[in-house]
């Protein structure tokens, strides 16, 4: 088979359809491959075309923008794949892994993985034949995907991440055009829209771990569908705080006041590009001024107020991640309460 038709999915498909076009993306292969392509696949696999058509994601009653658009960013559960191997069956990708809210495997309580656990490459996974079975392997080093201890989710977040995923799933199943689903998508787009002319997104002000280039979505108008696994998780955290989903505000605190006000009053029907243009125009009209840093004594006074606050004392003894998030929130609030004479632009604590 490999010598005659090739080893990759694209090579095999070229024998079925000499003009694959855009079939390699989510829409053309998983979501809605079209009746003609389904007929070709069914004939080649000796399957009933109706049964194959029922496997397409379009039958799941959710629009394509609620699925991960880039296959490289679709996480997989290595423990589930180990179960496949132990049972003597081929590895297969679970349909639920393609949903934007899929972060944790509900069966094994492990973080989905998009990075090779052997070489740590982010080049995606591909299928290969090993020991007579289909195995999902790293696209870079060809090591089979397998579970490792480093893949365990921090215990304090397991319940929250699963509850948050269930909340998002329920909102979509109730109707993608319903108020709950629209609010979730509107919050996601706000978080990745520009908060200033330099292009810094609102999500960067939430005190989450520092964003990297790998976390940025390919399309800021569809951040959940085009961001990496880490980027989707940070986006879902921000959405949960904005909408108070899964009791997020008790766990992570409320969102910054300026962000809540922007969400409540802002019209996000415009594209991210249009929002950036408007903000750039407004910033040019502001007079440029220079300002001196705060005196060290002022920073010390603010720090002492934070350390003496009941909010900081309340989290003593909690996990390190909880203390760090509380400290970031208290620092932001302290800087907001103590404005300084600065340019009439964006400050360090809020846009």
C-alpha atoms as a PDB file:
ATOM      1  CA  UNK A   1       0.000   0.000   0.000  1.00  0.00           C
ATOM      2  CA  UNK A   2       2.720   2.473   0.999  1.00  0.00           C
ATOM      3  CA  UNK A   3       4.840   1.722  -2.085  1.00  0.00           C
ATOM      4  CA  UNK A   4       1.882   2.019  -4.423  1.00  0.00           C
ATOM      5  CA  UNK A   5      -0.106   4.891  -2.960  1.00  0.00           C
ATOM      6  CA  UNK A   6       2.212   6.716  -0.550  1.00  0.00           C
ATOM      7  CA  UNK A   7       2.626   7.089   3.207  1.00  0.00           C
ATOM      8  CA  UNK A   8       0.867  10.351   3.953  1.00  0.00           C
ATOM      9  CA  UNK A   9      -2.827  11.131   4.028  1.00  0.00           C
ATOM     10  CA  UNK A  10      -2.476  13.735   1.286  1.00  0.00           C
ATOM     11  CA  UNK A  11      -0.680  11.262  -1.008  1.00  0.00           C
ATOM     12  CA  UNK A  12      -3.359   8.611  -0.525  1.00  0.00           C
ATOM     13  CA  UNK A  13      -6.143  11.141  -1.063  1.00  0.00           C
ATOM     14  CA  UNK A  14      -4.581  12.279  -4.332  1.00  0.00           C
ATOM     15  CA  UNK A  15      -5.451   8.868  -5.800  1.00  0.00           C
ATOM     16  CA  UNK A  16      -9.093   9.464  -4.931  1.00  0.00           C
ATOM     17  CA  UNK A  17      -9.236  13.073  -6.064  1.00  0.00           C
ATOM     18  CA  UNK A  18      -6.449  14.547  -8.273  1.00  0.00           C
ATOM     19  CA  UNK A  19      -7.528  18.095  -7.326  1.00  0.00           C
ATOM     20  CA  UNK A  20      -7.711  18.175  -3.515  1.00  0.00           C
ATOM     21  CA  UNK A  21      -7.960  21.976  -3.361  1.00  0.00           C
ATOM     22  CA  UNK A  22      -8.700  23.173   0.183  1.00  0.00           C
ATOM     23  CA  UNK A  23      -9.740  19.774   1.461  1.00  0.00           C
ATOM     24  CA  UNK A  24      -6.764  19.638   3.847  1.00  0.00           C
ATOM     25  CA  UNK A  25      -8.274  22.133   6.279  1.00  0.00           C
ATOM     26  CA  UNK A  26     -10.970  21.588   8.904  1.00  0.00           C
ATOM     27  CA  UNK A  27     -13.844  22.579   6.619  1.00  0.00           C
ATOM     28  CA  UNK A  28     -12.826  20.416   3.694  1.00  0.00           C
ATOM     29  CA  UNK A  29     -11.883  17.299   5.611  1.00  0.00           C
ATOM     30  CA  UNK A  30     -13.662  17.122   8.963  1.00  0.00           C
ATOM     31  CA  UNK A  31     -16.495  19.636   9.070  1.00  0.00           C
ATOM     32  CA  UNK A  32     -18.069  19.489   5.618  1.00  0.00           C
ATOM     33  CA  UNK A  33     -16.106  17.533   2.999  1.00  0.00           C
ATOM     34  CA  UNK A  34     -19.043  17.540   0.598  1.00  0.00           C
ATOM     35  CA  UNK A  35     -21.152  14.724  -0.789  1.00  0.00           C
ATOM     36  CA  UNK A  36     -18.812  14.052  -3.733  1.00  0.00           C
ATOM     37  CA  UNK A  37     -15.782  13.528  -1.482  1.00  0.00           C
ATOM     38  CA  UNK A  38     -17.768  11.396   0.956  1.00  0.00           C
ATOM     39  CA  UNK A  39     -18.830   9.177  -1.934  1.00  0.00           C
ATOM     40  CA  UNK A  40     -15.189   8.719  -3.019  1.00  0.00           C
ATOM     41  CA  UNK A  41     -14.064   7.932   0.523  1.00  0.00           C
ATOM     42  CA  UNK A  42     -16.927   5.480   1.043  1.00  0.00           C
ATOM     43  CA  UNK A  43     -16.133   3.667  -2.189  1.00  0.00           C
ATOM     44  CA  UNK A  44     -12.423   3.388  -1.314  1.00  0.00           C
ATOM     45  CA  UNK A  45     -13.146   2.188   2.255  1.00  0.00           C
ATOM     46  CA  UNK A  46     -15.998  -0.151   1.260  1.00  0.00           C
ATOM     47  CA  UNK A  47     -18.253   1.780   3.653  1.00  0.00           C
ATOM     48  CA  UNK A  48     -21.812   2.979   3.440  1.00  0.00           C
ATOM     49  CA  UNK A  49     -21.785   6.632   2.366  1.00  0.00           C
ATOM     50  CA  UNK A  50     -24.602   7.519   4.768  1.00  0.00           C
ATOM     51  CA  UNK A  51     -22.691   6.114   7.729  1.00  0.00           C
ATOM     52  CA  UNK A  52     -19.582   8.047   6.722  1.00  0.00           C
ATOM     53  CA  UNK A  53     -21.579  11.265   6.273  1.00  0.00           C
ATOM     54  CA  UNK A  54     -22.860  10.967   9.835  1.00  0.00           C
ATOM     55  CA  UNK A  55     -19.266  11.208  11.087  1.00  0.00           C
ATOM     56  CA  UNK A  56     -18.789  14.747   9.767  1.00  0.00           C
ATOM     57  CA  UNK A  57     -18.653  17.520  12.336  1.00  0.00           C
ATOM     58  CA  UNK A  58     -21.432  19.443  10.626  1.00  0.00           C
ATOM     59  CA  UNK A  59     -23.848  16.887  12.106  1.00  0.00           C
ATOM     60  CA  UNK A  60     -22.929  18.045  15.637  1.00  0.00           C
ATOM     61  CA  UNK A  61     -25.166  21.161  15.506  1.00  0.00           C
ATOM     62  CA  UNK A  62     -22.387  23.674  16.137  1.00  0.00           C
ATOM     63  CA  UNK A  63     -20.873  26.139  13.624  1.00  0.00           C
ATOM     64  CA  UNK A  64     -17.357  25.694  12.300  1.00  0.00           C
ATOM     65  CA  UNK A  65     -15.963  28.600  14.379  1.00  0.00           C
ATOM     66  CA  UNK A  66     -16.578  26.537  17.539  1.00  0.00           C
ATOM     67  CA  UNK A  67     -14.041  23.967  16.296  1.00  0.00           C
ATOM     68  CA  UNK A  68     -10.245  24.231  16.230  1.00  0.00           C
ATOM     69  CA  UNK A  69      -9.332  25.292  12.716  1.00  0.00           C
ATOM     70  CA  UNK A  70      -5.680  24.213  12.714  1.00  0.00           C
ATOM     71  CA  UNK A  71      -5.037  20.500  13.174  1.00  0.00           C
ATOM     72  CA  UNK A  72      -1.582  21.251  14.633  1.00  0.00           C
ATOM     73  CA  UNK A  73      -3.259  23.009  17.585  1.00  0.00           C
ATOM     74  CA  UNK A  74      -5.733  20.226  18.299  1.00  0.00           C
ATOM     75  CA  UNK A  75      -4.719  18.648  21.587  1.00  0.00           C
ATOM     76  CA  UNK A  76      -4.746  14.901  22.180  1.00  0.00           C
ATOM     77  CA  UNK A  77      -4.971  12.851  25.365  1.00  0.00           C
ATOM     78  CA  UNK A  78      -1.953  10.501  25.471  1.00  0.00           C
ATOM     79  CA  UNK A  79      -3.666   8.332  28.096  1.00  0.00           C
ATOM     80  CA  UNK A  80      -6.596   7.698  25.731  1.00  0.00           C
ATOM     81  CA  UNK A  81      -4.136   6.739  22.989  1.00  0.00           C
ATOM     82  CA  UNK A  82      -2.377   4.375  25.393  1.00  0.00           C
ATOM     83  CA  UNK A  83      -5.762   2.748  26.043  1.00  0.00           C
ATOM     84  CA  UNK A  84      -6.122   2.228  22.279  1.00  0.00           C
ATOM     85  CA  UNK A  85      -2.697   0.607  22.085  1.00  0.00           C
ATOM     86  CA  UNK A  86      -3.330  -1.644  25.113  1.00  0.00           C
ATOM     87  CA  UNK A  87      -6.648  -2.791  23.621  1.00  0.00           C
ATOM     88  CA  UNK A  88      -4.909  -3.713  20.364  1.00  0.00           C
ATOM     89  CA  UNK A  89      -6.674  -1.134  18.196  1.00  0.00           C
ATOM     90  CA  UNK A  90      -5.489   1.756  16.085  1.00  0.00           C
ATOM     91  CA  UNK A  91      -5.003   5.175  17.599  1.00  0.00           C
ATOM     92  CA  UNK A  92      -7.853   7.486  16.667  1.00  0.00           C
ATOM     93  CA  UNK A  93      -8.628  11.156  17.291  1.00  0.00           C
ATOM     94  CA  UNK A  94     -11.670  11.723  19.480  1.00  0.00           C
ATOM     95  CA  UNK A  95     -14.297  14.030  18.042  1.00  0.00           C
ATOM     96  CA  UNK A  96     -14.480  16.017  21.302  1.00  0.00           C
ATOM     97  CA  UNK A  97     -10.801  17.004  21.009  1.00  0.00           C
ATOM     98  CA  UNK A  98     -11.637  19.239  18.058  1.00  0.00           C
ATOM     99  CA  UNK A  99     -13.891  21.505  20.172  1.00  0.00           C
ATOM    100  CA  UNK A 100     -12.506  24.870  21.224  1.00  0.00           C
ATOM    101  CA  UNK A 101     -13.305  24.250  24.903  1.00  0.00           C
ATOM    102  CA  UNK A 102     -11.443  20.911  25.032  1.00  0.00           C
ATOM    103  CA  UNK A 103      -8.510  21.435  27.426  1.00  0.00           C
ATOM    104  CA  UNK A 104      -8.668  18.474  29.815  1.00  0.00           C
ATOM    105  CA  UNK A 105      -9.599  14.850  29.189  1.00  0.00           C
ATOM    106  CA  UNK A 106     -12.663  14.199  31.398  1.00  0.00           C
ATOM    107  CA  UNK A 107     -11.849  10.490  31.611  1.00  0.00           C
ATOM    108  CA  UNK A 108      -8.191  10.628  32.644  1.00  0.00           C
ATOM    109  CA  UNK A 109      -8.099  14.184  34.100  1.00  0.00           C
ATOM    110  CA  UNK A 110      -4.978  14.971  32.084  1.00  0.00           C
ATOM    111  CA  UNK A 111      -4.114  18.038  30.070  1.00  0.00           C
ATOM    112  CA  UNK A 112      -4.490  17.544  26.334  1.00  0.00           C
ATOM    113  CA  UNK A 113      -1.155  17.702  24.576  1.00  0.00           C
ATOM    114  CA  UNK A 114      -0.154  19.497  21.388  1.00  0.00           C
ATOM    115  CA  UNK A 115       3.600  19.224  22.006  1.00  0.00           C
ATOM    116  CA  UNK A 116       5.735  16.103  21.684  1.00  0.00           C
ATOM    117  CA  UNK A 117       6.615  14.724  25.112  1.00  0.00           C
ATOM    118  CA  UNK A 118       9.879  13.300  23.727  1.00  0.00           C
ATOM    119  CA  UNK A 119      11.487  16.130  21.735  1.00  0.00           C
ATOM    120  CA  UNK A 120       9.125  18.978  22.818  1.00  0.00           C
ATOM    121  CA  UNK A 121       8.519  19.992  19.196  1.00  0.00           C
ATOM    122  CA  UNK A 122       5.288  21.752  18.202  1.00  0.00           C
ATOM    123  CA  UNK A 123       5.239  20.445  14.648  1.00  0.00           C
ATOM    124  CA  UNK A 124       2.042  18.464  15.137  1.00  0.00           C
ATOM    125  CA  UNK A 125       1.336  14.739  15.012  1.00  0.00           C
ATOM    126  CA  UNK A 126       0.838  12.327  12.128  1.00  0.00           C
ATOM    127  CA  UNK A 127      -0.268   8.722  11.816  1.00  0.00           C
ATOM    128  CA  UNK A 128       2.230   5.940  11.144  1.00  0.00           C
ATOM    129  CA  UNK A 129       2.036   2.158  11.018  1.00  0.00           C
ATOM    130  CA  UNK A 130       3.800   0.553  13.983  1.00  0.00           C
ATOM    131  CA  UNK A 131       3.557  -3.126  14.875  1.00  0.00           C
ATOM    132  CA  UNK A 132       0.708  -3.523  12.409  1.00  0.00           C
ATOM    133  CA  UNK A 133      -1.412  -0.772  13.984  1.00  0.00           C
ATOM    134  CA  UNK A 134      -1.953   2.876  13.296  1.00  0.00           C
ATOM    135  CA  UNK A 135      -0.047   5.000  15.830  1.00  0.00           C
ATOM    136  CA  UNK A 136      -0.046   8.753  16.287  1.00  0.00           C
ATOM    137  CA  UNK A 137       3.573   9.921  16.226  1.00  0.00           C
ATOM    138  CA  UNK A 138       5.451  13.203  16.458  1.00  0.00           C
ATOM    139  CA  UNK A 139       5.803  14.966  13.127  1.00  0.00           C
ATOM    140  CA  UNK A 140       9.396  15.873  14.018  1.00  0.00           C
ATOM    141  CA  UNK A 141      11.053  12.951  15.839  1.00  0.00           C
ATOM    142  CA  UNK A 142       8.479  10.216  14.975  1.00  0.00           C
ATOM    143  CA  UNK A 143       8.177   9.125  18.619  1.00  0.00           C
ATOM    144  CA  UNK A 144       4.742   7.583  19.371  1.00  0.00           C
ATOM    145  CA  UNK A 145       2.461   9.690  21.542  1.00  0.00           C
ATOM    146  CA  UNK A 146       2.361   8.140  25.006  1.00  0.00           C
ATOM    147  CA  UNK A 147       1.319   9.253  28.461  1.00  0.00           C
ATOM    148  CA  UNK A 148       3.904  10.709  30.856  1.00  0.00           C
ATOM    149  CA  UNK A 149       3.785  11.968  34.397  1.00  0.00           C
ATOM    150  CA  UNK A 150       4.579  15.507  33.262  1.00  0.00           C
ATOM    151  CA  UNK A 151       1.181  15.655  31.530  1.00  0.00           C
ATOM    152  CA  UNK A 152      -0.848  15.713  34.757  1.00  0.00           C
ATOM    153  CA  UNK A 153      -3.029  18.758  35.335  1.00  0.00           C
ATOM    154  CA  UNK A 154      -2.533  20.684  38.586  1.00  0.00           C
ATOM    155  CA  UNK A 155      -5.144  19.209  40.899  1.00  0.00           C
ATOM    156  CA  UNK A 156      -6.716  22.509  41.920  1.00  0.00           C
ATOM    157  CA  UNK A 157      -7.620  23.270  38.291  1.00  0.00           C
ATOM    158  CA  UNK A 158      -9.027  19.908  37.226  1.00  0.00           C
ATOM    159  CA  UNK A 159     -12.563  20.508  38.444  1.00  0.00           C
ATOM    160  CA  UNK A 160     -12.589  24.119  37.270  1.00  0.00           C
ATOM    161  CA  UNK A 161     -11.391  23.368  33.739  1.00  0.00           C
ATOM    162  CA  UNK A 162     -13.879  20.529  33.331  1.00  0.00           C
ATOM    163  CA  UNK A 163     -16.749  22.610  34.725  1.00  0.00           C
ATOM    164  CA  UNK A 164     -15.807  25.495  32.438  1.00  0.00           C
ATOM    165  CA  UNK A 165     -15.740  23.198  29.397  1.00  0.00           C
ATOM    166  CA  UNK A 166     -19.151  21.784  30.323  1.00  0.00           C
ATOM    167  CA  UNK A 167     -20.541  25.316  30.692  1.00  0.00           C
ATOM    168  CA  UNK A 168     -19.287  26.361  27.252  1.00  0.00           C
ATOM    169  CA  UNK A 169     -20.545  23.132  25.666  1.00  0.00           C
ATOM    170  CA  UNK A 170     -23.992  23.597  27.200  1.00  0.00           C
ATOM    171  CA  UNK A 171     -24.183  27.195  25.947  1.00  0.00           C
ATOM    172  CA  UNK A 172     -23.375  26.063  22.399  1.00  0.00           C
ATOM    173  CA  UNK A 173     -25.779  23.124  22.515  1.00  0.00           C
ATOM    174  CA  UNK A 174     -28.573  25.439  23.682  1.00  0.00           C
ATOM    175  CA  UNK A 175     -28.024  27.428  20.498  1.00  0.00           C
ATOM    176  CA  UNK A 176     -24.926  28.951  18.864  1.00  0.00           C
ATOM    177  CA  UNK A 177     -26.956  32.126  18.320  1.00  0.00           C
ATOM    178  CA  UNK A 178     -28.261  32.210  21.871  1.00  0.00           C
ATOM    179  CA  UNK A 179     -27.321  34.891  24.379  1.00  0.00           C
ATOM    180  CA  UNK A 180     -24.902  32.683  26.352  1.00  0.00           C
ATOM    181  CA  UNK A 181     -22.940  31.518  23.300  1.00  0.00           C
ATOM    182  CA  UNK A 182     -22.857  35.016  21.831  1.00  0.00           C
ATOM    183  CA  UNK A 183     -21.516  36.448  25.092  1.00  0.00           C
ATOM    184  CA  UNK A 184     -18.755  33.837  25.194  1.00  0.00           C
ATOM    185  CA  UNK A 185     -17.680  34.610  21.640  1.00  0.00           C
ATOM    186  CA  UNK A 186     -17.973  38.366  22.213  1.00  0.00           C
ATOM    187  CA  UNK A 187     -15.794  38.104  25.324  1.00  0.00           C
ATOM    188  CA  UNK A 188     -13.179  36.079  23.419  1.00  0.00           C
ATOM    189  CA  UNK A 189     -12.965  38.686  20.676  1.00  0.00           C
ATOM    190  CA  UNK A 190     -12.715  41.529  23.183  1.00  0.00           C
ATOM    191  CA  UNK A 191      -9.840  39.833  25.011  1.00  0.00           C
ATOM    192  CA  UNK A 192      -7.801  39.641  21.807  1.00  0.00           C
ATOM    193  CA  UNK A 193      -8.722  43.066  20.441  1.00  0.00           C
ATOM    194  CA  UNK A 194      -6.161  45.825  20.802  1.00  0.00           C
ATOM    195  CA  UNK A 195      -6.251  47.859  23.992  1.00  0.00           C
ATOM    196  CA  UNK A 196      -3.891  50.508  22.636  1.00  0.00           C
ATOM    197  CA  UNK A 197      -2.281  51.664  19.431  1.00  0.00           C
ATOM    198  CA  UNK A 198       0.714  49.391  19.984  1.00  0.00           C
ATOM    199  CA  UNK A 199      -1.494  46.337  19.497  1.00  0.00           C
ATOM    200  CA  UNK A 200      -1.312  44.900  23.045  1.00  0.00           C
ATOM    201  CA  UNK A 201      -4.485  42.805  23.508  1.00  0.00           C
ATOM    202  CA  UNK A 202      -6.749  43.203  26.521  1.00  0.00           C
ATOM    203  CA  UNK A 203      -5.944  39.662  27.645  1.00  0.00           C
ATOM    204  CA  UNK A 204      -2.411  40.779  28.505  1.00  0.00           C
ATOM    205  CA  UNK A 205      -3.796  42.909  31.361  1.00  0.00           C
ATOM    206  CA  UNK A 206      -5.382  39.988  33.222  1.00  0.00           C
ATOM    207  CA  UNK A 207      -2.276  39.002  35.176  1.00  0.00           C
ATOM    208  CA  UNK A 208      -2.082  35.574  33.559  1.00  0.00           C
ATOM    209  CA  UNK A 209       1.302  34.028  32.620  1.00  0.00           C
ATOM    210  CA  UNK A 210       3.162  36.105  30.060  1.00  0.00           C
ATOM    211  CA  UNK A 211       1.847  35.609  26.540  1.00  0.00           C
ATOM    212  CA  UNK A 212       4.267  34.194  24.001  1.00  0.00           C
ATOM    213  CA  UNK A 213       4.239  34.190  20.236  1.00  0.00           C
ATOM    214  CA  UNK A 214       2.899  30.623  20.285  1.00  0.00           C
ATOM    215  CA  UNK A 215      -0.163  31.738  22.264  1.00  0.00           C
ATOM    216  CA  UNK A 216      -1.317  34.346  19.747  1.00  0.00           C
ATOM    217  CA  UNK A 217      -4.299  33.290  17.606  1.00  0.00           C
ATOM    218  CA  UNK A 218      -3.866  33.324  13.852  1.00  0.00           C
ATOM    219  CA  UNK A 219      -7.101  35.340  13.597  1.00  0.00           C
ATOM    220  CA  UNK A 220      -8.023  37.685  16.449  1.00  0.00           C
ATOM    221  CA  UNK A 221     -11.624  37.719  15.261  1.00  0.00           C
ATOM    222  CA  UNK A 222     -11.747  33.928  15.862  1.00  0.00           C
ATOM    223  CA  UNK A 223      -9.353  33.501  18.798  1.00  0.00           C
ATOM    224  CA  UNK A 224     -10.801  30.285  20.197  1.00  0.00           C
ATOM    225  CA  UNK A 225     -10.693  28.551  16.829  1.00  0.00           C
ATOM    226  CA  UNK A 226      -7.190  29.677  15.787  1.00  0.00           C
ATOM    227  CA  UNK A 227      -5.106  29.879  18.998  1.00  0.00           C
ATOM    228  CA  UNK A 228      -2.803  27.212  20.374  1.00  0.00           C
ATOM    229  CA  UNK A 229      -3.842  25.013  23.283  1.00  0.00           C
ATOM    230  CA  UNK A 230      -2.196  27.371  25.791  1.00  0.00           C
ATOM    231  CA  UNK A 231      -3.718  30.396  24.054  1.00  0.00           C
ATOM    232  CA  UNK A 232      -7.194  28.836  24.184  1.00  0.00           C
ATOM    233  CA  UNK A 233      -6.803  28.036  27.868  1.00  0.00           C
ATOM    234  CA  UNK A 234      -5.794  31.628  28.695  1.00  0.00           C
ATOM    235  CA  UNK A 235      -8.714  32.890  26.606  1.00  0.00           C
ATOM    236  CA  UNK A 236     -11.170  30.623  28.417  1.00  0.00           C
ATOM    237  CA  UNK A 237      -9.801  31.829  31.776  1.00  0.00           C
ATOM    238  CA  UNK A 238     -10.418  35.429  30.699  1.00  0.00           C
ATOM    239  CA  UNK A 239     -13.917  34.629  29.431  1.00  0.00           C
ATOM    240  CA  UNK A 240     -14.741  32.857  32.691  1.00  0.00           C
ATOM    241  CA  UNK A 241     -13.699  35.902  34.732  1.00  0.00           C
ATOM    242  CA  UNK A 242     -15.616  38.312  32.507  1.00  0.00           C
ATOM    243  CA  UNK A 243     -18.825  36.258  32.590  1.00  0.00           C
ATOM    244  CA  UNK A 244     -18.245  34.574  35.979  1.00  0.00           C
ATOM    245  CA  UNK A 245     -18.513  31.082  34.520  1.00  0.00           C
ATOM    246  CA  UNK A 246     -17.896  28.020  36.705  1.00  0.00           C
ATOM    247  CA  UNK A 247     -17.475  30.250  39.788  1.00  0.00           C
ATOM    248  CA  UNK A 248     -14.335  31.737  38.235  1.00  0.00           C
ATOM    249  CA  UNK A 249     -14.367  34.996  40.179  1.00  0.00           C
ATOM    250  CA  UNK A 250     -14.173  33.193  43.504  1.00  0.00           C
ATOM    251  CA  UNK A 251     -11.156  31.247  42.225  1.00  0.00           C
ATOM    252  CA  UNK A 252      -9.303  33.926  40.242  1.00  0.00           C
ATOM    253  CA  UNK A 253     -10.910  37.171  41.283  1.00  0.00           C
ATOM    254  CA  UNK A 254     -13.000  39.584  39.221  1.00  0.00           C
ATOM    255  CA  UNK A 255     -11.675  41.038  35.961  1.00  0.00           C
ATOM    256  CA  UNK A 256     -10.153  44.533  35.956  1.00  0.00           C
ATOM    257  CA  UNK A 257     -12.823  47.226  36.137  1.00  0.00           C
ATOM    258  CA  UNK A 258     -11.821  48.791  32.820  1.00  0.00           C
ATOM    259  CA  UNK A 259     -12.179  45.421  31.053  1.00  0.00           C
ATOM    260  CA  UNK A 260     -15.613  44.737  32.556  1.00  0.00           C
ATOM    261  CA  UNK A 261     -16.754  48.203  31.505  1.00  0.00           C
ATOM    262  CA  UNK A 262     -15.399  47.693  27.990  1.00  0.00           C
ATOM    263  CA  UNK A 263     -17.296  44.428  27.706  1.00  0.00           C
ATOM    264  CA  UNK A 264     -20.525  45.911  29.066  1.00  0.00           C
ATOM    265  CA  UNK A 265     -20.461  49.036  26.914  1.00  0.00           C
ATOM    266  CA  UNK A 266     -18.392  48.124  23.890  1.00  0.00           C
ATOM    267  CA  UNK A 267     -19.751  47.320  20.433  1.00  0.00           C
ATOM    268  CA  UNK A 268     -17.714  44.337  19.281  1.00  0.00           C
ATOM    269  CA  UNK A 269     -19.547  43.897  15.997  1.00  0.00           C
ATOM    270  CA  UNK A 270     -16.628  45.562  14.253  1.00  0.00           C
ATOM    271  CA  UNK A 271     -13.628  43.519  13.285  1.00  0.00           C
ATOM    272  CA  UNK A 272     -10.427  43.608  15.289  1.00  0.00           C
ATOM    273  CA  UNK A 273      -8.747  45.536  12.462  1.00  0.00           C
ATOM    274  CA  UNK A 274     -11.418  48.243  12.582  1.00  0.00           C
ATOM    275  CA  UNK A 275     -11.033  48.521  16.363  1.00  0.00           C
ATOM    276  CA  UNK A 276      -7.282  48.954  15.990  1.00  0.00           C
ATOM    277  CA  UNK A 277      -7.710  51.692  13.386  1.00  0.00           C
ATOM    278  CA  UNK A 278     -10.065  53.665  15.637  1.00  0.00           C
ATOM    279  CA  UNK A 279      -7.746  53.423  18.617  1.00  0.00           C
ATOM    280  CA  UNK A 280      -4.722  54.460  16.570  1.00  0.00           C
ATOM    281  CA  UNK A 281      -6.565  57.558  15.326  1.00  0.00           C
ATOM    282  CA  UNK A 282      -7.537  58.594  18.838  1.00  0.00           C
ATOM    283  CA  UNK A 283      -4.014  58.139  20.197  1.00  0.00           C
ATOM    284  CA  UNK A 284      -2.489  60.402  17.554  1.00  0.00           C
ATOM    285  CA  UNK A 285      -4.692  63.292  18.688  1.00  0.00           C
ATOM    286  CA  UNK A 286      -3.398  63.160  22.245  1.00  0.00           C
ATOM    287  CA  UNK A 287      -0.529  65.510  23.128  1.00  0.00           C
ATOM    288  CA  UNK A 288       2.683  63.730  23.934  1.00  0.00           C
ATOM    289  CA  UNK A 289       4.121  64.299  27.410  1.00  0.00           C
ATOM    290  CA  UNK A 290       6.946  62.841  29.382  1.00  0.00           C
ATOM    291  CA  UNK A 291       6.674  61.733  32.958  1.00  0.00           C
ATOM    292  CA  UNK A 292       9.028  60.594  35.667  1.00  0.00           C
ATOM    293  CA  UNK A 293       8.781  57.192  37.325  1.00  0.00           C
ATOM    294  CA  UNK A 294       7.144  56.995  40.722  1.00  0.00           C
ATOM    295  CA  UNK A 295       9.447  57.609  43.679  1.00  0.00           C
ATOM    296  CA  UNK A 296      10.739  54.506  45.432  1.00  0.00           C
ATOM    297  CA  UNK A 297       8.996  55.609  48.613  1.00  0.00           C
ATOM    298  CA  UNK A 298       5.629  55.551  46.829  1.00  0.00           C
ATOM    299  CA  UNK A 299       6.191  52.024  45.547  1.00  0.00           C
ATOM    300  CA  UNK A 300       7.225  50.925  49.050  1.00  0.00           C
ATOM    301  CA  UNK A 301       4.091  52.461  50.573  1.00  0.00           C
ATOM    302  CA  UNK A 302       1.881  50.685  48.035  1.00  0.00           C
ATOM    303  CA  UNK A 303       3.656  47.378  48.701  1.00  0.00           C
ATOM    304  CA  UNK A 304       3.204  47.743  52.463  1.00  0.00           C
ATOM    305  CA  UNK A 305      -0.501  48.439  51.969  1.00  0.00           C
ATOM    306  CA  UNK A 306      -0.850  45.269  49.911  1.00  0.00           C
ATOM    307  CA  UNK A 307       0.968  43.120  52.469  1.00  0.00           C
ATOM    308  CA  UNK A 308      -1.219  44.491  55.250  1.00  0.00           C
ATOM    309  CA  UNK A 309      -4.480  44.087  53.351  1.00  0.00           C
ATOM    310  CA  UNK A 310      -7.026  41.434  54.435  1.00  0.00           C
ATOM    311  CA  UNK A 311      -7.201  40.197  50.827  1.00  0.00           C
ATOM    312  CA  UNK A 312      -3.506  39.258  50.890  1.00  0.00           C
ATOM    313  CA  UNK A 313      -3.681  37.712  54.371  1.00  0.00           C
ATOM    314  CA  UNK A 314      -6.666  35.617  53.259  1.00  0.00           C
ATOM    315  CA  UNK A 315      -4.626  33.715  50.649  1.00  0.00           C
ATOM    316  CA  UNK A 316      -1.680  32.904  52.897  1.00  0.00           C
ATOM    317  CA  UNK A 317      -1.316  29.158  53.025  1.00  0.00           C
ATOM    318  CA  UNK A 318      -2.975  28.738  49.634  1.00  0.00           C
ATOM    319  CA  UNK A 319      -1.225  27.299  46.609  1.00  0.00           C
ATOM    320  CA  UNK A 320       1.502  29.364  44.997  1.00  0.00           C
ATOM    321  CA  UNK A 321      -0.489  29.968  41.827  1.00  0.00           C
ATOM    322  CA  UNK A 322      -3.414  31.319  43.899  1.00  0.00           C
ATOM    323  CA  UNK A 323      -1.123  33.702  45.800  1.00  0.00           C
ATOM    324  CA  UNK A 324       0.511  34.930  42.588  1.00  0.00           C
ATOM    325  CA  UNK A 325      -2.838  35.697  40.964  1.00  0.00           C
ATOM    326  CA  UNK A 326      -4.064  37.475  44.099  1.00  0.00           C
ATOM    327  CA  UNK A 327      -0.861  39.516  44.290  1.00  0.00           C
ATOM    328  CA  UNK A 328      -1.119  40.524  40.618  1.00  0.00           C
ATOM    329  CA  UNK A 329      -4.710  41.640  41.154  1.00  0.00           C
ATOM    330  CA  UNK A 330      -3.843  43.627  44.310  1.00  0.00           C
ATOM    331  CA  UNK A 331      -0.911  45.321  42.559  1.00  0.00           C
ATOM    332  CA  UNK A 332      -3.118  46.360  39.644  1.00  0.00           C
ATOM    333  CA  UNK A 333      -5.804  47.712  41.955  1.00  0.00           C
ATOM    334  CA  UNK A 334      -3.247  49.601  44.060  1.00  0.00           C
ATOM    335  CA  UNK A 335      -1.740  51.294  41.006  1.00  0.00           C
ATOM    336  CA  UNK A 336      -5.206  52.183  39.733  1.00  0.00           C
ATOM    337  CA  UNK A 337      -6.102  53.819  43.063  1.00  0.00           C
ATOM    338  CA  UNK A 338      -2.883  55.868  43.113  1.00  0.00           C
ATOM    339  CA  UNK A 339      -2.721  57.653  39.740  1.00  0.00           C
ATOM    340  CA  UNK A 340       0.322  59.716  38.940  1.00  0.00           C
ATOM    341  CA  UNK A 341       0.971  62.645  36.638  1.00  0.00           C
ATOM    342  CA  UNK A 342       1.589  60.872  33.387  1.00  0.00           C
ATOM    343  CA  UNK A 343       0.865  61.294  29.705  1.00  0.00           C
ATOM    344  CA  UNK A 344      -2.837  61.211  28.844  1.00  0.00           C
ATOM    345  CA  UNK A 345      -2.361  57.812  27.303  1.00  0.00           C
ATOM    346  CA  UNK A 346      -2.162  54.284  28.623  1.00  0.00           C
ATOM    347  CA  UNK A 347      -0.759  53.605  32.062  1.00  0.00           C
ATOM    348  CA  UNK A 348       1.052  50.552  33.349  1.00  0.00           C
ATOM    349  CA  UNK A 349      -1.941  49.197  35.261  1.00  0.00           C
ATOM    350  CA  UNK A 350      -4.795  49.682  32.801  1.00  0.00           C
ATOM    351  CA  UNK A 351      -5.249  50.709  29.194  1.00  0.00           C
END
